[in-house]
Amino acid sequence: MTAKPAKRVKHIPQRTCVGCRTALAKRSLIRIVRTGEGVSVDPGGKLPGRGAYLHDRRSCWERGLRGALSHALKVELTPSDRERLELFASALPEESSTDATAM
C-alpha cells in the first residue's frame, strides 16, 4: 500500500492592525506607507517604504490616527498627511454595534 502525499498548506502572511492590535491575513488589511513624499494609503500593498496596517473600520482608523500609526511608521504625521488619511477614513463604513462588541 502506498502512502498518499500530504497536501501542502499555503502560507498566508499575517499582519497586525495598529488600531485594535488584531492579527489578520495581510490581504484583509489596508496598508499605510511612509515614503519620501509623506504618508499615504497603499491599496496594492506593494509600494516601497515603511508600512503599517489598519482594518477597514473607522474605529481602528480613529485609534490609529491618535498616535499608534505615527509610532508604527516612526514618523510624526504632518497636517497634510493627517488630512489625507482622515479623508480616506471618512469614506470607510461605520461598524454595527455587534462589530464593536466583538473586539
C-alpha atoms as a PDB file:
ATOM      1  CA  MET A   1       0.000   0.000   0.000  1.00  0.00           C
ATOM      2  CA  THR A   2       1.410   3.384  -0.948  1.00  0.00           C
ATOM      3  CA  ALA A   3       1.037   6.472   1.180  1.00  0.00           C
ATOM      4  CA  LYS A   4      -0.781   9.466  -0.220  1.00  0.00           C
ATOM      5  CA  PRO A   5       1.328  12.602  -0.478  1.00  0.00           C
ATOM      6  CA  ALA A   6       0.416  15.185   2.139  1.00  0.00           C
ATOM      7  CA  LYS A   7      -1.364  18.279   0.889  1.00  0.00           C
ATOM      8  CA  ARG A   8       0.668  21.437   1.273  1.00  0.00           C
ATOM      9  CA  VAL A   9      -0.937  24.198   3.269  1.00  0.00           C
ATOM     10  CA  LYS A  10      -0.411  27.552   1.611  1.00  0.00           C
ATOM     11  CA  HIS A  11       1.254  30.132   3.834  1.00  0.00           C
ATOM     12  CA  ILE A  12      -0.935  33.189   4.470  1.00  0.00           C
ATOM     13  CA  PRO A  13       1.049  36.211   5.727  1.00  0.00           C
ATOM     14  CA  GLN A  14      -0.346  37.736   8.924  1.00  0.00           C
ATOM     15  CA  ARG A  15      -0.218  41.420   9.896  1.00  0.00           C
ATOM     16  CA  THR A  16      -1.423  43.277  12.993  1.00  0.00           C
ATOM     17  CA  CYS A  17      -3.828  46.209  12.855  1.00  0.00           C
ATOM     18  CA  VAL A  18      -2.205  49.110  14.735  1.00  0.00           C
ATOM     19  CA  GLY A  19      -5.657  50.340  15.808  1.00  0.00           C
ATOM     20  CA  CYS A  20      -7.063  47.270  17.569  1.00  0.00           C
ATOM     21  CA  ARG A  21      -3.949  45.021  17.693  1.00  0.00           C
ATOM     22  CA  THR A  22      -5.753  42.097  15.993  1.00  0.00           C
ATOM     23  CA  ALA A  23      -3.682  39.851  13.712  1.00  0.00           C
ATOM     24  CA  LEU A  24      -5.349  39.015  10.411  1.00  0.00           C
ATOM     25  CA  ALA A  25      -4.415  37.994   6.894  1.00  0.00           C
ATOM     26  CA  LYS A  26      -2.369  40.688   5.164  1.00  0.00           C
ATOM     27  CA  ARG A  27      -4.834  40.913   2.266  1.00  0.00           C
ATOM     28  CA  SER A  28      -7.732  41.817   4.581  1.00  0.00           C
ATOM     29  CA  LEU A  29      -5.999  44.932   5.986  1.00  0.00           C
ATOM     30  CA  ILE A  30      -5.220  48.320   4.438  1.00  0.00           C
ATOM     31  CA  ARG A  31      -1.537  49.269   4.254  1.00  0.00           C
ATOM     32  CA  ILE A  32      -0.352  52.769   5.115  1.00  0.00           C
ATOM     33  CA  VAL A  33       3.149  53.540   3.834  1.00  0.00           C
ATOM     34  CA  ARG A  34       5.767  56.146   4.719  1.00  0.00           C
ATOM     35  CA  THR A  35       7.742  57.294   1.683  1.00  0.00           C
ATOM     36  CA  GLY A  36       9.927  60.269   0.899  1.00  0.00           C
ATOM     37  CA  GLU A  37       6.847  62.214  -0.234  1.00  0.00           C
ATOM     38  CA  GLY A  38       4.971  61.593   3.034  1.00  0.00           C
ATOM     39  CA  VAL A  39       2.441  59.127   4.411  1.00  0.00           C
ATOM     40  CA  SER A  40      -0.226  57.688   2.120  1.00  0.00           C
ATOM     41  CA  VAL A  41      -2.589  54.756   1.636  1.00  0.00           C
ATOM     42  CA  ASP A  42      -1.106  51.860  -0.334  1.00  0.00           C
ATOM     43  CA  PRO A  43      -4.083  49.976  -1.828  1.00  0.00           C
ATOM     44  CA  GLY A  44      -1.932  47.383  -3.604  1.00  0.00           C
ATOM     45  CA  GLY A  45       0.360  46.799  -0.631  1.00  0.00           C
ATOM     46  CA  LYS A  46       3.465  46.898  -2.825  1.00  0.00           C
ATOM     47  CA  LEU A  47       4.895  50.426  -2.521  1.00  0.00           C
ATOM     48  CA  PRO A  48       8.411  50.666  -1.087  1.00  0.00           C
ATOM     49  CA  GLY A  49       8.748  52.198   2.353  1.00  0.00           C
ATOM     50  CA  ARG A  50       7.903  51.508   5.955  1.00  0.00           C
ATOM     51  CA  GLY A  51       4.342  50.256   6.300  1.00  0.00           C
ATOM     52  CA  ALA A  52       1.651  49.795   8.920  1.00  0.00           C
ATOM     53  CA  TYR A  53      -1.732  48.104   8.637  1.00  0.00           C
ATOM     54  CA  LEU A  54      -5.261  49.085   9.658  1.00  0.00           C
ATOM     55  CA  HIS A  55      -8.689  47.431   9.396  1.00  0.00           C
ATOM     56  CA  ASP A  56     -11.266  48.863   7.059  1.00  0.00           C
ATOM     57  CA  ARG A  57     -13.200  50.046  10.118  1.00  0.00           C
ATOM     58  CA  ARG A  58     -13.455  53.687  11.075  1.00  0.00           C
ATOM     59  CA  SER A  59     -12.863  52.954  14.785  1.00  0.00           C
ATOM     60  CA  CYS A  60      -9.457  51.408  14.034  1.00  0.00           C
ATOM     61  CA  TRP A  61      -8.510  54.410  11.897  1.00  0.00           C
ATOM     62  CA  GLU A  62      -9.532  56.820  14.668  1.00  0.00           C
ATOM     63  CA  ARG A  63      -7.400  54.933  17.203  1.00  0.00           C
ATOM     64  CA  GLY A  64      -4.533  54.676  14.734  1.00  0.00           C
ATOM     65  CA  LEU A  65      -4.559  58.390  13.947  1.00  0.00           C
ATOM     66  CA  ARG A  66      -4.394  59.229  17.669  1.00  0.00           C
ATOM     67  CA  GLY A  67      -0.793  58.046  17.781  1.00  0.00           C
ATOM     68  CA  ALA A  68      -0.374  54.338  17.091  1.00  0.00           C
ATOM     69  CA  LEU A  69       0.061  54.897  13.362  1.00  0.00           C
ATOM     70  CA  SER A  70       2.767  57.545  13.728  1.00  0.00           C
ATOM     71  CA  HIS A  71       4.554  55.312  16.239  1.00  0.00           C
ATOM     72  CA  ALA A  72       4.412  52.306  13.890  1.00  0.00           C
ATOM     73  CA  LEU A  73       5.657  54.361  10.934  1.00  0.00           C
ATOM     74  CA  LYS A  74       8.307  56.058  13.107  1.00  0.00           C
ATOM     75  CA  VAL A  75       7.351  59.497  11.823  1.00  0.00           C
ATOM     76  CA  GLU A  76       5.285  62.444  13.039  1.00  0.00           C
ATOM     77  CA  LEU A  77       2.228  62.872  10.809  1.00  0.00           C
ATOM     78  CA  THR A  78       2.121  66.251   9.084  1.00  0.00           C
ATOM     79  CA  PRO A  79      -1.200  68.112   8.894  1.00  0.00           C
ATOM     80  CA  SER A  80      -1.493  67.295   5.171  1.00  0.00           C
ATOM     81  CA  ASP A  81      -0.791  63.577   5.832  1.00  0.00           C
ATOM     82  CA  ARG A  82      -3.362  63.540   8.638  1.00  0.00           C
ATOM     83  CA  GLU A  83      -5.940  65.288   6.439  1.00  0.00           C
ATOM     84  CA  ARG A  84      -5.382  62.817   3.586  1.00  0.00           C
ATOM     85  CA  LEU A  85      -5.762  59.830   5.937  1.00  0.00           C
ATOM     86  CA  GLU A  86      -8.832  61.291   7.663  1.00  0.00           C
ATOM     87  CA  LEU A  87     -10.437  61.848   4.258  1.00  0.00           C
ATOM     88  CA  PHE A  88      -9.829  58.184   3.388  1.00  0.00           C
ATOM     89  CA  ALA A  89     -11.161  57.085   6.801  1.00  0.00           C
ATOM     90  CA  SER A  90     -14.336  59.135   6.396  1.00  0.00           C
ATOM     91  CA  ALA A  91     -15.213  57.033   3.341  1.00  0.00           C
ATOM     92  CA  LEU A  92     -14.998  53.822   5.375  1.00  0.00           C
ATOM     93  CA  PRO A  93     -18.213  52.248   6.666  1.00  0.00           C
ATOM     94  CA  GLU A  94     -19.360  52.641  10.242  1.00  0.00           C
ATOM     95  CA  GLU A  95     -19.403  49.304  12.004  1.00  0.00           C
ATOM     96  CA  SER A  96     -22.549  47.994  13.606  1.00  0.00           C
ATOM     97  CA  SER A  97     -22.912  47.574  17.360  1.00  0.00           C
ATOM     98  CA  THR A  98     -22.222  43.815  17.053  1.00  0.00           C
ATOM     99  CA  ASP A  99     -18.850  44.541  15.389  1.00  0.00           C
ATOM    100  CA  ALA A 100     -17.845  46.933  18.167  1.00  0.00           C
ATOM    101  CA  THR A 101     -18.661  44.423  20.922  1.00  0.00           C
ATOM    102  CA  ALA A 102     -16.753  41.638  19.165  1.00  0.00           C
ATOM    103  CA  MET A 103     -13.420  43.386  19.829  1.00  0.00           C
END
